[in-house]
Amino acid sequence: APWGVKDYGFRVIIAPSYADIFYNNCFKNGILPATLSEEQVEELLQRNEKEEGYSLTVNLPNQTIADKQGLMFKFEIAPS
């Protein structure tokens, strides 16, 4: 459940898809459920495996996810 994820300090979840109830509950719990393609998620996972301390920056106004090496993916969030 999203509240459990929030308890561990996560503010964003990145995945190729979500169950509808989970997706909606993320917003209710202050978590951003960013949707990327399977290929994009796989690229992030591979980079995480290769680099210790790998981190991402999520820019909600611009709807982007980026790393320090210049990789950037766009995602869409419907306006509320």
N, C-alpha and C. Protein backbone atom coordinates (compact mmCIF):
# COMPACT_ATOMS: atom_id res chain seq x y z
N ALA A 1 0.84 -1.18 0.00
CA ALA A 1 0.00 0.00 0.00
C ALA A 1 0.88 1.25 0.00
N PRO A 2 0.42 2.31 -0.64
CA PRO A 2 1.23 3.53 -0.71
C PRO A 2 1.64 4.09 0.65
N TRP A 3 0.79 3.96 1.67
CA TRP A 3 1.16 4.50 2.98
C TRP A 3 2.39 3.79 3.52
N GLY A 4 2.53 2.51 3.23
CA GLY A 4 3.71 1.76 3.67
C GLY A 4 4.97 2.25 2.97
N VAL A 5 4.85 2.55 1.69
CA VAL A 5 5.97 3.10 0.92
C VAL A 5 6.36 4.46 1.49
N LYS A 6 5.36 5.26 1.81
CA LYS A 6 5.61 6.59 2.37
C LYS A 6 6.33 6.49 3.71
N ASP A 7 5.98 5.49 4.51
CA ASP A 7 6.62 5.30 5.81
C ASP A 7 8.12 5.09 5.68
N TYR A 8 8.57 4.56 4.54
CA TYR A 8 10.00 4.35 4.30
C TYR A 8 10.66 5.58 3.68
N GLY A 9 9.92 6.65 3.50
CA GLY A 9 10.49 7.89 3.01
C GLY A 9 10.44 8.11 1.52
N PHE A 10 9.83 7.22 0.79
CA PHE A 10 9.72 7.39 -0.66
C PHE A 10 8.69 8.46 -0.98
N ARG A 11 9.03 9.33 -1.92
CA ARG A 11 8.10 10.37 -2.36
C ARG A 11 7.68 10.18 -3.81
N VAL A 12 8.40 9.30 -4.52
CA VAL A 12 8.11 9.02 -5.93
C VAL A 12 8.25 7.52 -6.15
N ILE A 13 7.36 6.97 -6.96
CA ILE A 13 7.48 5.59 -7.42
C ILE A 13 7.52 5.65 -8.94
N ILE A 14 8.48 4.94 -9.53
CA ILE A 14 8.61 4.92 -10.99
C ILE A 14 8.36 3.49 -11.45
N ALA A 15 7.39 3.32 -12.34
CA ALA A 15 7.03 1.99 -12.83
C ALA A 15 6.35 2.12 -14.19
N PRO A 16 6.28 1.00 -14.95
CA PRO A 16 5.60 1.06 -16.25
C PRO A 16 4.08 1.07 -16.14
N SER A 17 3.54 0.59 -15.01
CA SER A 17 2.08 0.59 -14.84
C SER A 17 1.75 0.42 -13.36
N TYR A 18 0.51 0.72 -13.04
CA TYR A 18 0.02 0.63 -11.66
C TYR A 18 -1.43 0.13 -11.69
N ALA A 19 -1.82 -0.56 -10.65
CA ALA A 19 -3.24 -0.85 -10.47
C ALA A 19 -3.94 0.47 -10.17
N ASP A 20 -5.16 0.64 -10.67
CA ASP A 20 -5.88 1.91 -10.51
C ASP A 20 -5.98 2.36 -9.06
N ILE A 21 -6.33 1.45 -8.17
CA ILE A 21 -6.51 1.84 -6.77
C ILE A 21 -5.18 2.27 -6.15
N PHE A 22 -4.09 1.56 -6.49
CA PHE A 22 -2.77 1.93 -5.98
C PHE A 22 -2.37 3.30 -6.50
N TYR A 23 -2.57 3.53 -7.79
CA TYR A 23 -2.23 4.81 -8.43
C TYR A 23 -2.95 5.97 -7.72
N ASN A 24 -4.24 5.83 -7.54
CA ASN A 24 -5.03 6.89 -6.89
C ASN A 24 -4.65 7.07 -5.42
N ASN A 25 -4.35 5.98 -4.73
CA ASN A 25 -3.96 6.07 -3.33
C ASN A 25 -2.59 6.71 -3.16
N CYS A 26 -1.73 6.59 -4.17
CA CYS A 26 -0.44 7.28 -4.11
C CYS A 26 -0.65 8.78 -3.93
N PHE A 27 -1.50 9.35 -4.76
CA PHE A 27 -1.77 10.79 -4.67
C PHE A 27 -2.35 11.16 -3.31
N LYS A 28 -3.26 10.33 -2.81
CA LYS A 28 -3.88 10.60 -1.52
C LYS A 28 -2.87 10.58 -0.38
N ASN A 29 -1.75 9.88 -0.59
CA ASN A 29 -0.71 9.76 0.43
C ASN A 29 0.51 10.63 0.13
N GLY A 30 0.40 11.52 -0.85
CA GLY A 30 1.50 12.43 -1.14
C GLY A 30 2.67 11.81 -1.88
N ILE A 31 2.41 10.74 -2.62
CA ILE A 31 3.45 10.06 -3.39
C ILE A 31 3.15 10.26 -4.87
N LEU A 32 4.18 10.57 -5.64
CA LEU A 32 4.03 10.74 -7.08
C LEU A 32 4.24 9.40 -7.77
N PRO A 33 3.23 8.85 -8.46
CA PRO A 33 3.41 7.62 -9.23
C PRO A 33 3.76 7.98 -10.68
N ALA A 34 5.04 8.06 -10.99
CA ALA A 34 5.48 8.43 -12.34
C ALA A 34 5.50 7.18 -13.22
N THR A 35 4.91 7.28 -14.39
CA THR A 35 4.84 6.16 -15.31
C THR A 35 5.84 6.37 -16.45
N LEU A 36 6.73 5.39 -16.62
CA LEU A 36 7.67 5.36 -17.74
C LEU A 36 7.49 4.05 -18.47
N SER A 37 8.03 3.95 -19.67
CA SER A 37 7.95 2.70 -20.42
C SER A 37 8.80 1.63 -19.73
N GLU A 38 8.55 0.38 -20.07
CA GLU A 38 9.35 -0.72 -19.51
C GLU A 38 10.83 -0.54 -19.85
N GLU A 39 11.11 -0.08 -21.07
CA GLU A 39 12.49 0.13 -21.50
C GLU A 39 13.16 1.23 -20.67
N GLN A 40 12.43 2.29 -20.39
CA GLN A 40 12.99 3.38 -19.59
C GLN A 40 13.25 2.93 -18.15
N VAL A 41 12.32 2.20 -17.58
CA VAL A 41 12.50 1.68 -16.22
C VAL A 41 13.70 0.74 -16.19
N GLU A 42 13.83 -0.11 -17.19
CA GLU A 42 14.97 -1.03 -17.26
C GLU A 42 16.29 -0.27 -17.34
N GLU A 43 16.33 0.81 -18.11
CA GLU A 43 17.53 1.63 -18.22
C GLU A 43 17.90 2.21 -16.85
N LEU A 44 16.92 2.70 -16.11
CA LEU A 44 17.19 3.24 -14.78
C LEU A 44 17.71 2.15 -13.84
N LEU A 45 17.12 0.97 -13.91
CA LEU A 45 17.57 -0.14 -13.06
C LEU A 45 19.00 -0.54 -13.40
N GLN A 46 19.34 -0.60 -14.68
CA GLN A 46 20.70 -0.95 -15.09
C GLN A 46 21.70 0.09 -14.59
N ARG A 47 21.37 1.35 -14.72
CA ARG A 47 22.27 2.41 -14.25
C ARG A 47 22.43 2.34 -12.73
N ASN A 48 21.36 2.01 -12.03
CA ASN A 48 21.42 1.87 -10.58
C ASN A 48 22.36 0.73 -10.18
N GLU A 49 22.34 -0.35 -10.93
CA GLU A 49 23.21 -1.50 -10.65
C GLU A 49 24.68 -1.14 -10.86
N LYS A 50 24.96 -0.30 -11.84
CA LYS A 50 26.34 0.03 -12.21
C LYS A 50 26.97 1.10 -11.33
N GLU A 51 26.17 1.97 -10.76
CA GLU A 51 26.71 3.14 -10.05
C GLU A 51 26.24 3.17 -8.60
N GLU A 52 27.19 3.04 -7.69
CA GLU A 52 26.85 3.15 -6.27
C GLU A 52 26.39 4.57 -5.97
N GLY A 53 25.32 4.69 -5.23
CA GLY A 53 24.79 6.01 -4.88
C GLY A 53 24.03 6.67 -6.01
N TYR A 54 23.64 5.89 -7.01
CA TYR A 54 22.89 6.44 -8.14
C TYR A 54 21.64 7.14 -7.63
N SER A 55 21.37 8.32 -8.18
CA SER A 55 20.18 9.06 -7.75
C SER A 55 19.51 9.73 -8.93
N LEU A 56 18.26 10.04 -8.74
CA LEU A 56 17.45 10.70 -9.76
C LEU A 56 16.87 11.98 -9.20
N THR A 57 16.63 12.92 -10.08
CA THR A 57 15.93 14.14 -9.72
C THR A 57 14.61 14.15 -10.47
N VAL A 58 13.53 14.30 -9.74
CA VAL A 58 12.20 14.37 -10.34
C VAL A 58 11.74 15.81 -10.28
N ASN A 59 11.40 16.35 -11.44
CA ASN A 59 10.91 17.72 -11.55
C ASN A 59 9.44 17.65 -11.92
N LEU A 60 8.58 17.85 -10.95
CA LEU A 60 7.14 17.72 -11.19
C LEU A 60 6.61 18.79 -12.13
N PRO A 61 6.96 20.08 -11.96
CA PRO A 61 6.43 21.09 -12.89
C PRO A 61 6.79 20.80 -14.36
N ASN A 62 8.02 20.33 -14.59
CA ASN A 62 8.44 20.01 -15.97
C ASN A 62 8.14 18.57 -16.35
N GLN A 63 7.71 17.78 -15.39
CA GLN A 63 7.38 16.36 -15.58
C GLN A 63 8.55 15.61 -16.21
N THR A 64 9.72 15.71 -15.53
CA THR A 64 10.91 15.01 -15.99
C THR A 64 11.55 14.24 -14.85
N ILE A 65 12.27 13.19 -15.24
CA ILE A 65 13.10 12.41 -14.32
C ILE A 65 14.48 12.40 -14.95
N ALA A 66 15.50 12.82 -14.20
CA ALA A 66 16.84 12.95 -14.76
C ALA A 66 17.89 12.42 -13.79
N ASP A 67 19.03 11.98 -14.36
CA ASP A 67 20.17 11.63 -13.52
C ASP A 67 21.30 12.62 -13.77
N LYS A 68 22.39 12.48 -13.05
CA LYS A 68 23.51 13.42 -13.14
C LYS A 68 24.31 13.27 -14.44
N GLN A 69 24.11 12.16 -15.15
CA GLN A 69 24.83 11.93 -16.40
C GLN A 69 24.12 12.54 -17.61
N GLY A 70 22.97 13.13 -17.40
CA GLY A 70 22.25 13.78 -18.49
C GLY A 70 21.09 12.99 -19.06
N LEU A 71 20.86 11.79 -18.55
CA LEU A 71 19.69 11.02 -18.99
C LEU A 71 18.44 11.73 -18.48
N MET A 72 17.46 11.88 -19.36
CA MET A 72 16.22 12.53 -18.93
C MET A 72 15.03 11.87 -19.63
N PHE A 73 14.03 11.56 -18.83
CA PHE A 73 12.79 11.00 -19.35
C PHE A 73 11.64 11.92 -18.97
N LYS A 74 10.66 12.03 -19.86
CA LYS A 74 9.44 12.79 -19.59
C LYS A 74 8.36 11.82 -19.11
N PHE A 75 7.51 12.31 -18.23
CA PHE A 75 6.33 11.55 -17.82
C PHE A 75 5.16 12.52 -17.79
N GLU A 76 3.96 11.98 -17.75
CA GLU A 76 2.77 12.82 -17.74
C GLU A 76 1.92 12.54 -16.51
N ILE A 77 1.47 13.62 -15.91
CA ILE A 77 0.52 13.54 -14.80
C ILE A 77 -0.66 14.42 -15.19
N ALA A 78 -1.83 13.84 -15.17
CA ALA A 78 -3.03 14.61 -15.52
C ALA A 78 -3.27 15.67 -14.46
N PRO A 79 -3.65 16.88 -14.89
CA PRO A 79 -3.94 17.94 -13.91
C PRO A 79 -5.12 17.54 -13.03
N SER A 80 -5.07 17.94 -11.78
CA SER A 80 -6.17 17.57 -10.87
C SER A 80 -7.23 18.63 -10.84
